[in-house]
Amino acid sequence: MRLALMLLAAASLAGAADKQLFNGKDLTGWKMTGPGSFVIEDGMMKTQGGMGLLFYEKEKFGNAVVKVVFKTVGPRGNSGVVIRMPEAPPDPWYGVHNGYEVQIESGGDEWHCTGSIYSISKVSSREQKAPGEWNTMEIEFRGPVTSISVNGKKVNEYREGQPVPERKMWYEPVRGPRPDVGYIGLQNHDAMSIVYFKEVSVRGLGK
């Protein structure tokens, strides 16, 4: 009986719901830096203007899976999920240069499209759906390794220290190591790039 109860408890924990960072009503727990904003529309976050960064200020995350469910409005939909920021970002470019931006954008090349770590680690395949359709992206970071899945298919894996392309443009991220634990955020890129998010959640992976 005792063993059965222990197994039941373990199964219950394994099936526990992800921690929801967006309550579907307002931006409680989130803070905006830079121009533009995120607004709530029909229970969803909507990007507006830019370039800005909305970050979850309540805690840092490590050894976790960040899940975002998003859709773009048109082919120019551009956003990103920023991870591994060591400090609360004082400006919208802080996350690009001190964390990693996991790109949301259907039209870029393999280094700059959905599921890539922007100009750092390319995708193995393109899995984003057409504008207007919902996509699920999961970003797992366990220690120095970041793995990214889009709509159920793994498209990227990056390990700290592996070779990366030379930095050529000012807006590309500064090369260098990122911490295992950090803040996460959502980018609003520009006024013409409208992206909706209906879920942002985190699942811990333990040590």
N, C-alpha and C. Protein backbone atom coordinates (compact mmCIF):
# COMPACT_ATOMS: atom_id res chain seq x y z
N MET A 1 0.83 -1.21 0.00
CA MET A 1 0.00 0.00 0.00
C MET A 1 0.87 1.26 0.00
N ARG A 2 1.92 1.25 0.87
CA ARG A 2 2.81 2.42 0.95
C ARG A 2 3.47 2.69 -0.40
N LEU A 3 3.95 1.62 -1.06
CA LEU A 3 4.59 1.78 -2.37
C LEU A 3 3.60 2.33 -3.38
N ALA A 4 2.37 1.83 -3.33
CA ALA A 4 1.35 2.30 -4.27
C ALA A 4 1.07 3.78 -4.09
N LEU A 5 1.03 4.23 -2.82
CA LEU A 5 0.79 5.65 -2.55
C LEU A 5 1.95 6.51 -3.04
N MET A 6 3.20 5.99 -2.87
CA MET A 6 4.36 6.74 -3.34
C MET A 6 4.36 6.86 -4.85
N LEU A 7 3.99 5.79 -5.53
CA LEU A 7 3.92 5.82 -6.99
C LEU A 7 2.82 6.76 -7.47
N LEU A 8 1.71 6.77 -6.75
CA LEU A 8 0.61 7.65 -7.10
C LEU A 8 1.02 9.12 -6.94
N ALA A 9 1.74 9.39 -5.84
CA ALA A 9 2.19 10.77 -5.60
C ALA A 9 3.17 11.21 -6.68
N ALA A 10 4.09 10.32 -7.07
CA ALA A 10 5.06 10.66 -8.11
C ALA A 10 4.37 10.93 -9.43
N ALA A 11 3.37 10.11 -9.74
CA ALA A 11 2.62 10.30 -10.99
C ALA A 11 1.88 11.62 -10.98
N SER A 12 1.35 11.97 -9.81
CA SER A 12 0.62 13.23 -9.68
C SER A 12 1.53 14.42 -9.91
N LEU A 13 2.75 14.37 -9.34
CA LEU A 13 3.71 15.46 -9.53
C LEU A 13 4.14 15.55 -10.98
N ALA A 14 4.39 14.39 -11.60
CA ALA A 14 4.83 14.38 -13.00
C ALA A 14 3.78 14.98 -13.91
N GLY A 15 2.51 14.82 -13.55
CA GLY A 15 1.44 15.32 -14.40
C GLY A 15 0.93 16.68 -14.00
N ALA A 16 1.62 17.32 -13.04
CA ALA A 16 1.18 18.62 -12.56
C ALA A 16 1.21 19.64 -13.68
N ALA A 17 0.30 20.60 -13.61
CA ALA A 17 0.21 21.63 -14.63
C ALA A 17 1.45 22.52 -14.60
N ASP A 18 1.82 23.04 -15.76
CA ASP A 18 2.90 24.00 -15.84
C ASP A 18 2.53 25.26 -15.06
N LYS A 19 3.54 25.97 -14.61
CA LYS A 19 3.31 27.24 -13.93
C LYS A 19 2.98 28.30 -14.97
N GLN A 20 1.78 28.85 -14.91
CA GLN A 20 1.34 29.85 -15.87
C GLN A 20 1.86 31.22 -15.47
N LEU A 21 2.62 31.86 -16.37
CA LEU A 21 3.15 33.19 -16.10
C LEU A 21 2.22 34.29 -16.61
N PHE A 22 1.27 33.94 -17.46
CA PHE A 22 0.29 34.88 -17.99
C PHE A 22 -1.09 34.42 -17.56
N ASN A 23 -1.81 35.30 -16.84
CA ASN A 23 -3.09 34.91 -16.26
C ASN A 23 -4.28 35.11 -17.20
N GLY A 24 -4.05 35.62 -18.41
CA GLY A 24 -5.13 35.80 -19.36
C GLY A 24 -5.96 37.04 -19.13
N LYS A 25 -5.59 37.83 -18.11
CA LYS A 25 -6.39 39.01 -17.76
C LYS A 25 -5.60 40.31 -17.82
N ASP A 26 -4.37 40.24 -17.31
CA ASP A 26 -3.55 41.45 -17.26
C ASP A 26 -2.08 41.03 -17.23
N LEU A 27 -1.19 41.99 -17.02
CA LEU A 27 0.25 41.73 -17.08
C LEU A 27 0.87 41.66 -15.68
N THR A 28 0.13 41.15 -14.74
CA THR A 28 0.66 40.96 -13.39
C THR A 28 1.92 40.09 -13.44
N GLY A 29 2.99 40.58 -12.81
CA GLY A 29 4.25 39.85 -12.78
C GLY A 29 5.21 40.24 -13.89
N TRP A 30 4.72 41.01 -14.86
CA TRP A 30 5.52 41.40 -16.01
C TRP A 30 5.85 42.89 -15.95
N LYS A 31 6.97 43.26 -16.59
CA LYS A 31 7.38 44.66 -16.62
C LYS A 31 7.92 44.99 -18.01
N MET A 32 7.57 46.17 -18.50
CA MET A 32 7.96 46.59 -19.84
C MET A 32 9.18 47.49 -19.79
N THR A 33 10.09 47.29 -20.74
CA THR A 33 11.19 48.22 -20.93
C THR A 33 11.28 48.56 -22.42
N GLY A 34 11.55 49.84 -22.70
CA GLY A 34 11.63 50.28 -24.09
C GLY A 34 10.29 50.75 -24.62
N PRO A 35 10.26 51.23 -25.86
CA PRO A 35 9.03 51.74 -26.45
C PRO A 35 8.04 50.64 -26.81
N GLY A 36 6.84 51.06 -27.21
CA GLY A 36 5.80 50.08 -27.50
C GLY A 36 5.24 49.48 -26.24
N SER A 37 4.42 48.45 -26.41
CA SER A 37 3.78 47.83 -25.26
C SER A 37 3.19 46.49 -25.65
N PHE A 38 2.75 45.75 -24.65
CA PHE A 38 1.89 44.59 -24.85
C PHE A 38 0.53 44.97 -24.29
N VAL A 39 -0.52 44.67 -25.04
CA VAL A 39 -1.88 44.93 -24.58
C VAL A 39 -2.61 43.60 -24.48
N ILE A 40 -3.68 43.59 -23.68
CA ILE A 40 -4.50 42.38 -23.53
C ILE A 40 -5.70 42.51 -24.45
N GLU A 41 -5.89 41.51 -25.29
CA GLU A 41 -7.00 41.51 -26.24
C GLU A 41 -7.62 40.11 -26.28
N ASP A 42 -8.86 40.01 -25.85
CA ASP A 42 -9.57 38.72 -25.84
C ASP A 42 -8.78 37.64 -25.11
N GLY A 43 -8.18 38.01 -23.97
CA GLY A 43 -7.47 37.04 -23.16
C GLY A 43 -6.10 36.68 -23.67
N MET A 44 -5.56 37.47 -24.60
CA MET A 44 -4.25 37.20 -25.17
C MET A 44 -3.37 38.43 -25.02
N MET A 45 -2.05 38.20 -24.97
CA MET A 45 -1.09 39.29 -25.08
C MET A 45 -0.92 39.63 -26.56
N LYS A 46 -0.89 40.92 -26.86
CA LYS A 46 -0.69 41.36 -28.24
C LYS A 46 0.44 42.38 -28.28
N THR A 47 1.40 42.17 -29.17
CA THR A 47 2.48 43.13 -29.31
C THR A 47 1.95 44.41 -29.96
N GLN A 48 2.54 45.53 -29.55
CA GLN A 48 2.10 46.83 -30.06
C GLN A 48 3.29 47.77 -30.09
N GLY A 49 3.68 48.21 -31.27
CA GLY A 49 4.83 49.10 -31.37
C GLY A 49 6.13 48.38 -31.08
N GLY A 50 7.14 49.16 -30.75
CA GLY A 50 8.43 48.56 -30.44
C GLY A 50 9.54 49.54 -30.84
N MET A 51 10.83 49.14 -30.64
CA MET A 51 11.21 47.83 -30.13
C MET A 51 11.26 47.85 -28.60
N GLY A 52 10.62 46.89 -27.99
CA GLY A 52 10.57 46.83 -26.55
C GLY A 52 10.72 45.40 -26.06
N LEU A 53 10.78 45.25 -24.74
CA LEU A 53 10.93 43.93 -24.13
C LEU A 53 10.07 43.88 -22.88
N LEU A 54 9.18 42.91 -22.85
CA LEU A 54 8.35 42.64 -21.68
C LEU A 54 8.96 41.45 -20.96
N PHE A 55 9.37 41.63 -19.70
CA PHE A 55 10.01 40.53 -19.01
C PHE A 55 9.27 40.17 -17.72
N TYR A 56 9.40 38.90 -17.35
CA TYR A 56 8.77 38.41 -16.13
C TYR A 56 9.72 38.71 -14.98
N GLU A 57 9.30 39.64 -14.11
CA GLU A 57 10.22 40.18 -13.12
C GLU A 57 10.21 39.45 -11.78
N LYS A 58 9.31 38.52 -11.57
CA LYS A 58 9.17 37.89 -10.26
C LYS A 58 10.27 36.91 -9.92
N GLU A 59 10.86 36.26 -10.92
CA GLU A 59 11.90 35.27 -10.62
C GLU A 59 12.71 34.94 -11.86
N LYS A 60 13.88 34.36 -11.60
CA LYS A 60 14.72 33.83 -12.66
C LYS A 60 14.43 32.33 -12.82
N PHE A 61 14.78 31.80 -13.99
CA PHE A 61 14.52 30.40 -14.26
C PHE A 61 15.78 29.71 -14.80
N GLY A 62 15.97 28.47 -14.38
CA GLY A 62 17.01 27.61 -14.88
C GLY A 62 16.56 26.17 -14.76
N ASN A 63 17.14 25.28 -15.56
CA ASN A 63 16.70 23.88 -15.60
C ASN A 63 15.18 23.82 -15.72
N ALA A 64 14.68 24.35 -16.82
CA ALA A 64 13.25 24.48 -16.99
C ALA A 64 12.90 24.44 -18.48
N VAL A 65 11.59 24.25 -18.73
CA VAL A 65 11.06 24.35 -20.08
C VAL A 65 10.10 25.53 -20.11
N VAL A 66 10.39 26.49 -20.96
CA VAL A 66 9.50 27.62 -21.19
C VAL A 66 8.64 27.30 -22.40
N LYS A 67 7.33 27.39 -22.22
CA LYS A 67 6.39 27.09 -23.30
C LYS A 67 5.63 28.36 -23.67
N VAL A 68 5.62 28.68 -24.96
CA VAL A 68 4.82 29.80 -25.45
C VAL A 68 3.92 29.30 -26.57
N VAL A 69 2.68 29.76 -26.55
CA VAL A 69 1.73 29.46 -27.63
C VAL A 69 1.42 30.79 -28.30
N PHE A 70 1.72 30.90 -29.58
CA PHE A 70 1.67 32.19 -30.26
C PHE A 70 1.12 32.03 -31.68
N LYS A 71 0.69 33.15 -32.24
CA LYS A 71 0.37 33.21 -33.66
C LYS A 71 0.76 34.58 -34.20
N THR A 72 1.13 34.60 -35.46
CA THR A 72 1.43 35.85 -36.13
C THR A 72 0.23 36.27 -36.97
N VAL A 73 0.15 37.56 -37.27
CA VAL A 73 -0.97 38.08 -38.05
C VAL A 73 -0.67 38.02 -39.54
N GLY A 74 0.57 38.25 -39.91
CA GLY A 74 0.95 38.24 -41.32
C GLY A 74 2.38 37.75 -41.47
N PRO A 75 2.88 37.73 -42.70
CA PRO A 75 4.22 37.21 -42.96
C PRO A 75 5.33 38.02 -42.33
N ARG A 76 5.04 39.26 -41.89
CA ARG A 76 6.06 40.09 -41.26
C ARG A 76 6.06 39.96 -39.74
N GLY A 77 5.24 39.09 -39.19
CA GLY A 77 5.19 38.93 -37.75
C GLY A 77 6.56 38.60 -37.18
N ASN A 78 7.05 39.43 -36.27
CA ASN A 78 8.40 39.29 -35.75
C ASN A 78 8.38 39.52 -34.25
N SER A 79 8.91 38.57 -33.51
CA SER A 79 9.00 38.69 -32.06
C SER A 79 10.11 37.75 -31.61
N GLY A 80 10.16 37.47 -30.34
CA GLY A 80 11.15 36.54 -29.83
C GLY A 80 10.92 36.28 -28.36
N VAL A 81 11.44 35.15 -27.91
CA VAL A 81 11.44 34.80 -26.49
C VAL A 81 12.87 34.90 -26.01
N VAL A 82 13.12 35.79 -25.05
CA VAL A 82 14.47 36.02 -24.56
C VAL A 82 14.68 35.22 -23.27
N ILE A 83 15.76 34.50 -23.19
CA ILE A 83 16.06 33.65 -22.03
C ILE A 83 17.46 33.98 -21.50
N ARG A 84 17.75 33.49 -20.29
CA ARG A 84 19.09 33.54 -19.69
C ARG A 84 19.60 34.96 -19.47
N MET A 85 18.72 35.92 -19.21
CA MET A 85 19.18 37.28 -18.90
C MET A 85 19.65 37.32 -17.44
N PRO A 86 20.89 37.71 -17.19
CA PRO A 86 21.41 37.66 -15.82
C PRO A 86 20.80 38.69 -14.89
N GLU A 87 20.34 39.83 -15.44
CA GLU A 87 19.75 40.89 -14.63
C GLU A 87 18.47 41.37 -15.29
N ALA A 88 17.66 42.08 -14.52
CA ALA A 88 16.47 42.71 -15.09
C ALA A 88 16.90 43.68 -16.18
N PRO A 89 16.35 43.59 -17.37
CA PRO A 89 16.85 44.40 -18.49
C PRO A 89 16.53 45.88 -18.33
N PRO A 90 17.53 46.75 -18.43
CA PRO A 90 17.30 48.19 -18.34
C PRO A 90 16.86 48.81 -19.65
N ASP A 91 17.01 48.06 -20.75
CA ASP A 91 16.62 48.56 -22.08
C ASP A 91 16.29 47.35 -22.95
N PRO A 92 15.62 47.57 -24.10
CA PRO A 92 15.16 46.43 -24.91
C PRO A 92 16.27 45.64 -25.59
N TRP A 93 17.47 46.21 -25.70
CA TRP A 93 18.58 45.49 -26.33
C TRP A 93 19.38 44.65 -25.35
N TYR A 94 19.13 44.85 -24.06
CA TYR A 94 19.88 44.10 -23.06
C TYR A 94 19.72 42.60 -23.26
N GLY A 95 18.50 42.15 -23.51
CA GLY A 95 18.26 40.72 -23.68
C GLY A 95 18.95 40.13 -24.89
N VAL A 96 19.05 40.90 -25.97
CA VAL A 96 19.72 40.44 -27.18
C VAL A 96 21.20 40.18 -26.90
N HIS A 97 21.84 41.10 -26.17
CA HIS A 97 23.29 41.04 -26.00
C HIS A 97 23.75 40.32 -24.74
N ASN A 98 22.85 40.12 -23.79
CA ASN A 98 23.24 39.48 -22.53
C ASN A 98 22.49 38.17 -22.26
N GLY A 99 21.41 37.94 -22.99
CA GLY A 99 20.71 36.67 -22.96
C GLY A 99 20.70 36.08 -24.35
N TYR A 100 19.77 35.19 -24.62
CA TYR A 100 19.59 34.65 -25.97
C TYR A 100 18.17 34.95 -26.42
N GLU A 101 18.03 35.42 -27.66
CA GLU A 101 16.71 35.61 -28.25
C GLU A 101 16.37 34.40 -29.11
N VAL A 102 15.35 33.65 -28.70
CA VAL A 102 14.83 32.57 -29.52
C VAL A 102 13.81 33.20 -30.47
N GLN A 103 14.12 33.20 -31.73
CA GLN A 103 13.40 34.01 -32.71
C GLN A 103 12.00 33.49 -33.00
N ILE A 104 11.09 34.43 -33.24
CA ILE A 104 9.78 34.16 -33.85
C ILE A 104 9.71 35.02 -35.10
N GLU A 105 9.81 34.39 -36.25
CA GLU A 105 9.76 35.13 -37.53
C GLU A 105 9.84 34.10 -38.65
N SER A 106 8.84 34.09 -39.52
CA SER A 106 8.76 33.03 -40.53
C SER A 106 9.66 33.27 -41.73
N GLY A 107 10.03 34.52 -41.99
CA GLY A 107 10.69 34.82 -43.26
C GLY A 107 12.20 34.82 -43.23
N GLY A 108 12.83 34.76 -42.06
CA GLY A 108 14.28 34.82 -42.01
C GLY A 108 14.94 33.54 -42.48
N ASP A 109 16.27 33.61 -42.65
CA ASP A 109 17.00 32.41 -43.02
C ASP A 109 17.13 31.49 -41.80
N GLU A 110 17.87 30.40 -41.96
CA GLU A 110 17.92 29.37 -40.91
C GLU A 110 18.55 29.86 -39.61
N TRP A 111 19.29 30.97 -39.68
CA TRP A 111 19.89 31.56 -38.48
C TRP A 111 18.98 32.60 -37.83
N HIS A 112 17.90 32.97 -38.51
CA HIS A 112 17.07 34.10 -38.07
C HIS A 112 15.57 33.83 -38.18
N CYS A 113 15.17 32.58 -38.18
CA CYS A 113 13.74 32.25 -38.28
C CYS A 113 13.28 31.59 -36.99
N THR A 114 12.00 31.28 -36.92
CA THR A 114 11.41 30.74 -35.71
C THR A 114 12.12 29.47 -35.24
N GLY A 115 12.56 29.51 -34.00
CA GLY A 115 13.28 28.38 -33.41
C GLY A 115 14.78 28.55 -33.39
N SER A 116 15.30 29.52 -34.14
CA SER A 116 16.73 29.79 -34.08
C SER A 116 17.05 30.59 -32.82
N ILE A 117 18.28 30.47 -32.34
CA ILE A 117 18.80 31.44 -31.39
C ILE A 117 19.46 32.50 -32.24
N TYR A 118 18.88 33.67 -32.26
CA TYR A 118 19.13 34.69 -33.28
C TYR A 118 20.63 34.88 -33.56
N SER A 119 21.03 34.49 -34.78
CA SER A 119 22.38 34.60 -35.34
C SER A 119 23.44 33.82 -34.57
N ILE A 120 22.99 32.97 -33.63
CA ILE A 120 23.91 32.15 -32.82
C ILE A 120 23.82 30.68 -33.19
N SER A 121 22.59 30.15 -33.30
CA SER A 121 22.39 28.72 -33.55
C SER A 121 21.21 28.54 -34.50
N LYS A 122 21.43 27.89 -35.61
CA LYS A 122 20.42 27.78 -36.66
C LYS A 122 19.46 26.62 -36.42
N VAL A 123 18.32 26.67 -37.11
CA VAL A 123 17.34 25.59 -37.04
C VAL A 123 17.69 24.48 -38.02
N SER A 124 17.24 23.29 -37.70
CA SER A 124 17.41 22.15 -38.60
C SER A 124 16.23 22.01 -39.56
N SER A 125 15.09 22.61 -39.18
CA SER A 125 13.92 22.60 -40.07
C SER A 125 12.99 23.73 -39.66
N ARG A 126 12.09 24.10 -40.58
CA ARG A 126 11.12 25.17 -40.33
C ARG A 126 9.78 24.54 -40.02
N GLU A 127 9.24 24.85 -38.84
CA GLU A 127 8.01 24.20 -38.40
C GLU A 127 6.90 25.19 -38.07
N GLN A 128 7.12 26.48 -38.25
CA GLN A 128 6.07 27.46 -37.95
C GLN A 128 4.93 27.33 -38.94
N LYS A 129 3.70 27.44 -38.44
CA LYS A 129 2.51 27.36 -39.27
C LYS A 129 2.22 28.69 -39.95
N ALA A 130 1.24 28.69 -40.82
CA ALA A 130 0.88 29.89 -41.57
C ALA A 130 0.34 30.97 -40.64
N PRO A 131 0.42 32.25 -41.04
CA PRO A 131 -0.15 33.32 -40.23
C PRO A 131 -1.60 33.03 -39.85
N GLY A 132 -1.96 33.34 -38.62
CA GLY A 132 -3.31 33.10 -38.13
C GLY A 132 -3.48 31.77 -37.44
N GLU A 133 -2.52 30.85 -37.59
CA GLU A 133 -2.58 29.55 -36.92
C GLU A 133 -1.71 29.57 -35.67
N TRP A 134 -2.16 28.84 -34.65
CA TRP A 134 -1.42 28.79 -33.39
C TRP A 134 -0.22 27.87 -33.48
N ASN A 135 0.87 28.30 -32.86
CA ASN A 135 2.10 27.53 -32.78
C ASN A 135 2.49 27.33 -31.32
N THR A 136 3.11 26.20 -31.03
CA THR A 136 3.64 25.94 -29.69
C THR A 136 5.15 25.80 -29.79
N MET A 137 5.85 26.63 -29.04
CA MET A 137 7.30 26.53 -28.99
C MET A 137 7.72 26.23 -27.55
N GLU A 138 8.57 25.23 -27.39
CA GLU A 138 9.11 24.87 -26.09
C GLU A 138 10.62 25.06 -26.10
N ILE A 139 11.10 25.79 -25.10
CA ILE A 139 12.52 26.09 -24.98
C ILE A 139 13.01 25.45 -23.68
N GLU A 140 13.83 24.44 -23.82
CA GLU A 140 14.36 23.75 -22.63
C GLU A 140 15.79 24.21 -22.40
N PHE A 141 16.07 24.72 -21.20
CA PHE A 141 17.46 25.00 -20.87
C PHE A 141 17.82 24.27 -19.59
N ARG A 142 18.78 23.38 -19.78
CA ARG A 142 19.27 22.54 -18.68
C ARG A 142 20.77 22.76 -18.61
N GLY A 143 21.23 23.48 -17.56
CA GLY A 143 22.63 23.82 -17.49
C GLY A 143 23.05 24.60 -18.72
N PRO A 144 24.13 24.21 -19.39
CA PRO A 144 24.63 24.96 -20.53
C PRO A 144 23.94 24.65 -21.86
N VAL A 145 22.98 23.76 -21.86
CA VAL A 145 22.35 23.32 -23.12
C VAL A 145 20.96 23.93 -23.26
N THR A 146 20.69 24.46 -24.45
CA THR A 146 19.37 24.99 -24.80
C THR A 146 18.83 24.18 -25.97
N SER A 147 17.63 23.61 -25.80
CA SER A 147 16.98 22.85 -26.86
C SER A 147 15.63 23.49 -27.17
N ILE A 148 15.29 23.53 -28.45
CA ILE A 148 14.09 24.23 -28.88
C ILE A 148 13.26 23.33 -29.78
N SER A 149 11.96 23.23 -29.47
CA SER A 149 11.00 22.50 -30.29
C SER A 149 9.91 23.44 -30.76
N VAL A 150 9.47 23.26 -31.99
CA VAL A 150 8.38 24.05 -32.55
C VAL A 150 7.31 23.08 -33.05
N ASN A 151 6.12 23.21 -32.50
CA ASN A 151 4.99 22.35 -32.89
C ASN A 151 5.34 20.87 -32.79
N GLY A 152 6.02 20.54 -31.70
CA GLY A 152 6.30 19.14 -31.39
C GLY A 152 7.54 18.56 -32.01
N LYS A 153 8.28 19.34 -32.80
CA LYS A 153 9.48 18.82 -33.45
C LYS A 153 10.70 19.61 -32.98
N LYS A 154 11.73 18.89 -32.55
CA LYS A 154 12.97 19.54 -32.13
C LYS A 154 13.66 20.14 -33.35
N VAL A 155 13.97 21.43 -33.27
CA VAL A 155 14.57 22.13 -34.42
C VAL A 155 15.94 22.72 -34.11
N ASN A 156 16.36 22.70 -32.84
CA ASN A 156 17.61 23.38 -32.50
C ASN A 156 18.13 22.86 -31.17
N GLU A 157 19.45 22.77 -31.07
CA GLU A 157 20.09 22.50 -29.78
C GLU A 157 21.43 23.22 -29.78
N TYR A 158 21.67 23.94 -28.71
CA TYR A 158 22.90 24.73 -28.60
C TYR A 158 23.54 24.49 -27.24
N ARG A 159 24.84 24.28 -27.25
CA ARG A 159 25.61 24.12 -26.01
C ARG A 159 26.59 25.27 -25.88
N GLU A 160 26.63 25.85 -24.70
CA GLU A 160 27.55 26.96 -24.45
C GLU A 160 28.97 26.59 -24.88
N GLY A 161 29.60 27.49 -25.63
CA GLY A 161 30.98 27.29 -26.03
C GLY A 161 31.17 26.68 -27.40
N GLN A 162 30.08 26.19 -28.03
CA GLN A 162 30.25 25.62 -29.36
C GLN A 162 30.51 26.74 -30.37
N PRO A 163 31.11 26.44 -31.52
CA PRO A 163 31.42 27.48 -32.51
C PRO A 163 30.15 28.20 -32.98
N VAL A 164 30.26 29.51 -33.17
CA VAL A 164 29.15 30.33 -33.66
C VAL A 164 29.66 31.22 -34.78
N PRO A 165 28.75 31.73 -35.63
CA PRO A 165 29.19 32.60 -36.72
C PRO A 165 29.78 33.91 -36.20
N GLU A 166 30.63 34.50 -37.01
CA GLU A 166 31.20 35.80 -36.67
C GLU A 166 30.10 36.86 -36.60
N ARG A 167 30.19 37.73 -35.65
CA ARG A 167 29.25 38.85 -35.52
C ARG A 167 29.60 39.91 -36.57
N LYS A 168 28.61 40.26 -37.42
CA LYS A 168 28.88 41.18 -38.52
C LYS A 168 28.10 42.48 -38.43
N MET A 169 26.92 42.47 -37.80
CA MET A 169 26.07 43.65 -37.74
C MET A 169 25.90 44.10 -36.30
N TRP A 170 25.68 45.40 -36.12
CA TRP A 170 25.58 45.96 -34.76
C TRP A 170 24.42 45.37 -33.97
N TYR A 171 23.33 44.99 -34.68
CA TYR A 171 22.15 44.50 -33.99
C TYR A 171 22.23 43.01 -33.68
N GLU A 172 23.24 42.34 -34.17
CA GLU A 172 23.40 40.93 -33.82
C GLU A 172 23.96 40.82 -32.40
N PRO A 173 23.61 39.75 -31.71
CA PRO A 173 24.02 39.65 -30.31
C PRO A 173 25.53 39.59 -30.13
N VAL A 174 26.01 40.24 -29.09
CA VAL A 174 27.40 40.11 -28.68
C VAL A 174 27.66 38.65 -28.32
N ARG A 175 28.74 38.12 -28.82
CA ARG A 175 29.08 36.73 -28.54
C ARG A 175 29.64 36.61 -27.11
N GLY A 176 29.48 35.44 -26.55
CA GLY A 176 29.99 35.22 -25.20
C GLY A 176 29.03 34.36 -24.40
N PRO A 177 29.47 33.85 -23.26
CA PRO A 177 28.66 32.93 -22.45
C PRO A 177 27.47 33.63 -21.80
N ARG A 178 26.41 32.87 -21.57
CA ARG A 178 25.24 33.32 -20.83
C ARG A 178 25.09 32.45 -19.58
N PRO A 179 24.39 32.95 -18.57
CA PRO A 179 24.25 32.18 -17.32
C PRO A 179 23.27 31.03 -17.48
N ASP A 180 23.38 30.06 -16.58
CA ASP A 180 22.45 28.93 -16.57
C ASP A 180 21.07 29.34 -16.07
N VAL A 181 21.02 30.40 -15.26
CA VAL A 181 19.76 30.86 -14.66
C VAL A 181 19.57 32.33 -15.00
N GLY A 182 18.35 32.70 -15.40
CA GLY A 182 18.14 34.10 -15.73
C GLY A 182 16.67 34.44 -15.93
N TYR A 183 16.43 35.72 -16.18
CA TYR A 183 15.08 36.20 -16.48
C TYR A 183 14.69 35.83 -17.90
N ILE A 184 13.38 35.79 -18.14
CA ILE A 184 12.86 35.55 -19.49
C ILE A 184 11.99 36.73 -19.90
N GLY A 185 11.83 36.92 -21.21
CA GLY A 185 11.04 38.03 -21.70
C GLY A 185 10.49 37.77 -23.09
N LEU A 186 9.57 38.64 -23.51
CA LEU A 186 8.97 38.60 -24.84
C LEU A 186 9.26 39.91 -25.55
N GLN A 187 9.64 39.82 -26.79
CA GLN A 187 9.99 41.01 -27.56
C GLN A 187 8.80 41.53 -28.37
N ASN A 188 8.58 42.86 -28.35
CA ASN A 188 7.70 43.48 -29.35
C ASN A 188 8.61 44.25 -30.29
N HIS A 189 8.64 43.82 -31.54
CA HIS A 189 9.70 44.21 -32.47
C HIS A 189 9.47 45.57 -33.12
N ASP A 190 8.30 45.76 -33.70
CA ASP A 190 7.99 47.03 -34.35
C ASP A 190 6.49 47.10 -34.60
N ALA A 191 6.01 48.27 -35.02
CA ALA A 191 4.58 48.49 -35.16
C ALA A 191 3.94 47.62 -36.24
N MET A 192 4.70 47.19 -37.21
CA MET A 192 4.16 46.36 -38.29
C MET A 192 4.18 44.87 -37.97
N SER A 193 4.81 44.50 -36.87
CA SER A 193 4.93 43.09 -36.49
C SER A 193 3.98 42.80 -35.34
N ILE A 194 2.85 42.18 -35.65
CA ILE A 194 1.85 41.88 -34.63
C ILE A 194 1.87 40.38 -34.33
N VAL A 195 2.10 40.07 -33.07
CA VAL A 195 2.14 38.67 -32.63
C VAL A 195 1.28 38.55 -31.38
N TYR A 196 0.49 37.48 -31.31
CA TYR A 196 -0.36 37.19 -30.16
C TYR A 196 0.23 36.03 -29.37
N PHE A 197 0.13 36.11 -28.05
CA PHE A 197 0.52 35.02 -27.16
C PHE A 197 -0.68 34.68 -26.27
N LYS A 198 -1.08 33.41 -26.27
CA LYS A 198 -2.19 33.01 -25.39
C LYS A 198 -1.72 32.17 -24.21
N GLU A 199 -0.47 31.75 -24.23
CA GLU A 199 0.09 31.02 -23.09
C GLU A 199 1.57 31.27 -22.98
N VAL A 200 2.02 31.54 -21.75
CA VAL A 200 3.44 31.56 -21.42
C VAL A 200 3.55 30.80 -20.10
N SER A 201 4.25 29.70 -20.09
CA SER A 201 4.32 28.88 -18.89
C SER A 201 5.71 28.30 -18.74
N VAL A 202 6.00 27.81 -17.53
CA VAL A 202 7.29 27.24 -17.21
C VAL A 202 7.09 25.93 -16.46
N ARG A 203 7.87 24.93 -16.82
CA ARG A 203 7.89 23.65 -16.12
C ARG A 203 9.30 23.38 -15.63
N GLY A 204 9.48 23.22 -14.35
CA GLY A 204 10.80 22.93 -13.80
C GLY A 204 11.26 21.53 -14.13
N LEU A 205 12.56 21.37 -14.29
CA LEU A 205 13.14 20.06 -14.62
C LEU A 205 13.91 19.44 -13.48
N GLY A 206 14.04 20.18 -12.37
CA GLY A 206 14.85 19.67 -11.28
C GLY A 206 16.33 19.81 -11.58
N LYS A 207 17.17 19.19 -10.72
CA LYS A 207 18.61 19.32 -10.88
C LYS A 207 19.19 18.16 -11.64
